[in-house]
Protein backbone atom coordinates (compact mmCIF):
# COMPACT_ATOMS: atom_id res chain seq x y z
CA UNK A 1 0.00 0.00 0.00
CA UNK A 2 1.24 3.49 -0.78
CA UNK A 3 1.37 6.21 1.91
CA UNK A 4 -0.80 8.40 -0.32
CA UNK A 5 -3.61 5.83 -0.21
CA UNK A 6 -3.84 6.07 3.58
CA UNK A 7 -3.42 9.87 3.56
CA UNK A 8 -6.37 10.16 1.17
CA UNK A 9 -8.60 8.43 3.71
CA UNK A 10 -7.30 10.64 6.54
CA UNK A 11 -7.92 13.85 4.58
CA UNK A 12 -11.48 13.16 3.45
CA UNK A 13 -13.96 15.88 4.30
CA UNK A 14 -16.01 15.02 6.16
CA UNK A 15 -13.78 12.38 7.72
CA UNK A 16 -15.17 8.85 7.62
CA UNK A 17 -13.72 6.24 9.98
CA UNK A 18 -11.98 3.36 8.21
CA UNK A 19 -10.58 -0.09 8.88
CA UNK A 20 -7.18 -1.45 7.85
CA UNK A 21 -6.96 -5.19 7.18
CA UNK A 22 -3.47 -6.72 7.36
CA UNK A 23 -1.99 -9.74 5.61
CA UNK A 24 -2.21 -11.79 8.84
CA UNK A 25 -5.92 -11.04 9.25
CA UNK A 26 -5.62 -8.45 12.01
CA UNK A 27 -7.69 -5.29 11.65
CA UNK A 28 -7.27 -1.80 13.07
CA UNK A 29 -9.91 0.90 13.10
CA UNK A 30 -9.05 4.56 12.61
CA UNK A 31 -11.97 6.48 14.13
CA UNK A 32 -10.42 9.96 14.00
CA UNK A 33 -7.77 11.46 11.67
CA UNK A 34 -5.64 12.54 14.66
CA UNK A 35 -5.20 8.90 15.67
CA UNK A 36 -3.04 7.96 12.66
CA UNK A 37 0.26 9.22 11.31
CA UNK A 38 1.57 8.08 7.92
CA UNK A 39 5.27 7.65 7.24
CA UNK A 40 7.16 6.39 4.21
CA UNK A 41 6.87 2.76 5.20
CA UNK A 42 4.64 2.60 8.29
CA UNK A 43 1.40 3.89 9.75
CA UNK A 44 1.31 4.67 13.49
CA UNK A 45 -2.19 4.01 14.81
CA UNK A 46 -3.44 5.16 18.21
CA UNK A 47 -5.72 2.48 19.65
CA UNK A 48 -8.21 3.83 22.23
CA UNK A 49 -8.88 1.94 25.44
CA UNK A 50 -12.31 0.37 25.71
CA UNK A 51 -14.79 2.88 27.03
CA UNK A 52 -12.45 5.84 26.53
CA UNK A 53 -13.16 8.77 24.20
CA UNK A 54 -11.91 8.15 20.67
CA UNK A 55 -9.26 10.89 20.88
CA UNK A 56 -7.51 9.34 23.89
CA UNK A 57 -5.36 6.39 22.87
CA UNK A 58 -4.21 3.62 25.18
CA UNK A 59 -1.47 2.18 22.98
CA UNK A 60 0.33 2.92 19.75
CA UNK A 61 0.64 0.29 17.02
CA UNK A 62 3.13 0.54 14.15
CA UNK A 63 1.89 -1.13 10.96
CA UNK A 64 4.06 -1.69 7.91
CA UNK A 65 2.48 -0.41 4.70
CA UNK A 66 3.63 -3.65 3.07
CA UNK A 67 1.23 -5.61 5.29
CA UNK A 68 -1.90 -3.56 4.62
CA UNK A 69 -4.13 -5.55 2.27
CA UNK A 70 -7.28 -3.46 2.39
CA UNK A 71 -8.59 -0.10 3.53
CA UNK A 72 -12.36 0.13 3.82
CA UNK A 73 -14.72 2.78 5.14
CA UNK A 74 -16.59 1.81 8.29
CA UNK A 75 -20.35 2.17 8.40
CA UNK A 76 -21.52 4.90 10.70
CA UNK A 77 -24.06 4.08 13.40
CA UNK A 78 -27.58 4.50 12.14
CA UNK A 79 -26.72 4.09 8.43
CA UNK A 80 -27.86 1.10 6.36
């Protein structure tokens, strides 16, 4: 995956949360654009603690762009 592909999702107006699916089957949700930083070869994703506001992250996960298989928008609550 190219850094630009992830940046495009982060810059959408209005922002729409999205999910990254990795080659090993793990998934990470990006619920706010301030919870992800894109580098040349990695994406740093802030993972919120359960029950915490989305802007407060509990841990930081580094994901190699090489291992991202899919980026898909997440459905918003209340939408079909």
